[in-house]
Amino acid sequence: MPEGTATFEVHAPIERVWAFVSDMRKIGGCVPGVQSVEILDETRARWNLKVKIGPLSQDIEVLTETLEQVPLKHGKFRGQAENMDITGTIDLAPDGKSTKVTYTMTVQAKGPLARIMDNFMKTRLKGQTEEFATNIKKSLEG
């Protein structure tokens, strides 16, 4: 099961970082490939992604759900699509005037192409996780 982790520092107070990462619309906008975020209720959203696989691109609808929130410290989410399940955590720690962020995402492919998708995701997940981290930093520091 492919997993990606990024630990990075955001030059913003922990309260501001938490307000951003706990907002499904804002955090969804930082996910690589997300075209739109539709809020369904206070814990669920629908993300529409465009994913490039080699020369091909595919539109994927992911139903996301916030599973756990410990304000200013920890969040856990799940995303479900037709051909994959995604779980992730985001942990915050104050670091002077900055905030240390650790983001982990795990992808479990499903269906007849699961092995091919797992192999593909293993090669792409690290870059996707780092791009997500960069997008969060730009949004909060820019």
Protein backbone atom coordinates (compact mmCIF):
# COMPACT_ATOMS: atom_id res chain seq x y z
CA MET A 1 0.00 0.00 0.00
CA PRO A 2 1.72 3.24 -1.14
CA GLU A 3 2.31 5.91 1.50
CA GLY A 4 3.73 9.42 1.30
CA THR A 5 4.82 11.67 4.16
CA ALA A 6 5.92 15.29 4.15
CA THR A 7 7.17 17.22 7.16
CA PHE A 8 7.54 20.94 6.62
CA GLU A 9 7.53 24.27 8.40
CA VAL A 10 4.97 27.00 7.79
CA HIS A 11 5.88 30.53 8.85
CA ALA A 12 2.50 31.19 10.48
CA PRO A 13 1.05 30.72 13.97
CA ILE A 14 -0.50 27.33 14.73
CA GLU A 15 -4.01 28.83 15.07
CA ARG A 16 -3.87 30.16 11.50
CA VAL A 17 -2.47 26.89 10.14
CA TRP A 18 -5.17 24.88 11.95
CA ALA A 19 -7.96 27.14 10.64
CA PHE A 20 -6.64 26.53 7.10
CA VAL A 21 -6.06 22.74 7.26
CA SER A 22 -9.39 22.10 8.98
CA ASP A 23 -11.32 23.95 6.23
CA MET A 24 -12.31 21.30 3.63
CA ARG A 25 -12.55 23.84 0.81
CA LYS A 26 -9.13 25.41 1.48
CA ILE A 27 -7.27 22.14 2.06
CA GLY A 28 -8.98 20.54 -0.94
CA GLY A 29 -7.71 23.35 -3.12
CA CYS A 30 -4.13 22.38 -2.19
CA VAL A 31 -4.48 18.74 -3.32
CA PRO A 32 -2.68 18.26 -6.66
CA GLY A 33 -5.19 17.77 -9.46
CA VAL A 34 -8.29 19.00 -7.60
CA GLN A 35 -10.56 20.87 -10.01
CA SER A 36 -13.41 21.60 -7.59
CA VAL A 37 -14.53 21.07 -4.00
CA GLU A 38 -18.21 20.69 -3.12
CA ILE A 39 -19.03 20.84 0.60
CA LEU A 40 -21.75 18.31 1.47
CA ASP A 41 -21.97 18.92 5.24
CA GLU A 42 -19.60 19.78 8.13
CA THR A 43 -17.59 16.54 7.80
CA ARG A 44 -17.99 15.53 4.14
CA ALA A 45 -17.00 17.00 0.78
CA ARG A 46 -16.76 15.87 -2.84
CA TRP A 47 -13.49 16.59 -4.64
CA ASN A 48 -13.26 16.34 -8.41
CA LEU A 49 -9.71 15.56 -9.52
CA LYS A 50 -7.98 15.33 -12.87
CA VAL A 51 -5.22 12.73 -12.60
CA LYS A 52 -2.58 12.27 -15.29
CA ILE A 53 -1.32 8.73 -15.78
CA GLY A 54 1.39 8.93 -18.38
CA PRO A 55 -0.14 10.43 -21.55
CA LEU A 56 -3.69 9.79 -20.29
CA SER A 57 -5.76 11.87 -17.90
CA GLN A 58 -8.72 10.69 -15.91
CA ASP A 59 -11.39 12.54 -13.95
CA ILE A 60 -11.92 11.06 -10.49
CA GLU A 61 -14.60 11.93 -7.96
CA VAL A 62 -13.47 11.46 -4.35
CA LEU A 63 -15.92 11.57 -1.45
CA THR A 64 -13.91 12.84 1.52
CA GLU A 65 -14.80 12.66 5.18
CA THR A 66 -13.18 14.16 8.26
CA LEU A 67 -12.84 11.31 10.75
CA GLU A 68 -11.13 13.03 13.65
CA GLN A 69 -10.11 16.52 14.72
CA VAL A 70 -8.10 17.52 17.78
CA PRO A 71 -7.96 21.32 17.44
CA LEU A 72 -4.49 22.80 16.91
CA LYS A 73 -2.93 19.31 16.89
CA HIS A 74 -4.32 16.52 14.71
CA GLY A 75 -6.73 15.74 11.91
CA LYS A 76 -7.58 12.48 10.16
CA PHE A 77 -9.53 12.02 6.95
CA ARG A 78 -10.69 9.37 4.52
CA GLY A 79 -11.35 9.66 0.81
CA GLN A 80 -13.19 7.10 -1.30
CA ALA A 81 -13.26 6.86 -5.07
CA GLU A 82 -14.41 4.17 -7.45
CA ASN A 83 -10.93 2.64 -7.75
CA MET A 84 -9.14 3.73 -4.56
CA ASP A 85 -9.40 4.42 -0.85
CA ILE A 86 -7.28 7.18 0.66
CA THR A 87 -6.53 7.83 4.32
CA GLY A 88 -4.49 10.67 5.70
CA THR A 89 -3.42 12.48 8.81
CA ILE A 90 -2.13 15.96 9.45
CA ASP A 91 -0.31 16.81 12.67
CA LEU A 92 0.70 20.27 13.85
CA ALA A 93 3.26 21.36 16.44
CA PRO A 94 4.17 24.93 17.41
CA ASP A 95 7.78 25.86 16.61
CA GLY A 96 8.41 29.41 17.80
CA LYS A 97 6.65 31.75 15.35
CA SER A 98 6.25 28.88 12.89
CA THR A 99 4.26 25.65 12.81
CA LYS A 100 5.70 22.23 12.05
CA VAL A 101 3.32 20.21 9.87
CA THR A 102 3.50 16.46 9.26
CA TYR A 103 1.21 15.14 6.55
CA THR A 104 0.83 11.44 5.73
CA MET A 105 -1.31 9.93 2.99
CA THR A 106 -1.91 6.25 2.20
CA VAL A 107 -3.59 5.03 -0.99
CA GLN A 108 -5.17 1.60 -1.41
CA ALA A 109 -6.11 0.81 -5.00
CA LYS A 110 -9.21 -1.33 -5.65
CA GLY A 111 -10.56 -3.26 -8.59
CA PRO A 112 -9.02 -5.17 -11.50
CA LEU A 113 -6.20 -2.65 -12.01
CA ALA A 114 -5.26 -2.46 -8.31
CA ARG A 115 -1.71 -3.83 -8.72
CA ILE A 116 -0.94 -1.51 -11.62
CA MET A 117 -2.38 1.47 -9.74
CA ASP A 118 -0.43 0.59 -6.57
CA ASN A 119 2.83 0.47 -8.53
CA PHE A 120 2.01 3.75 -10.26
CA MET A 121 1.09 5.44 -6.97
CA LYS A 122 4.32 4.26 -5.32
CA THR A 123 6.29 6.22 -7.91
CA ARG A 124 4.06 9.34 -7.75
CA LEU A 125 2.97 9.64 -4.12
CA LYS A 126 6.13 11.25 -2.74
CA GLY A 127 5.97 14.00 -5.37
CA GLN A 128 2.22 14.48 -4.84
CA THR A 129 2.72 14.77 -1.06
CA GLU A 130 5.53 17.31 -1.52
CA GLU A 131 3.43 19.34 -3.99
CA PHE A 132 0.57 19.37 -1.46
CA ALA A 133 2.98 20.65 1.23
CA THR A 134 4.26 23.39 -1.12
CA ASN A 135 0.69 24.46 -1.93
CA ILE A 136 -0.15 24.77 1.79
CA LYS A 137 2.99 26.85 2.44
CA LYS A 138 2.23 29.15 -0.51
CA SER A 139 -1.37 29.64 0.66
CA LEU A 140 -0.38 30.51 4.23
CA GLU A 141 2.87 32.39 3.64
CA GLY A 142 2.14 34.08 0.30
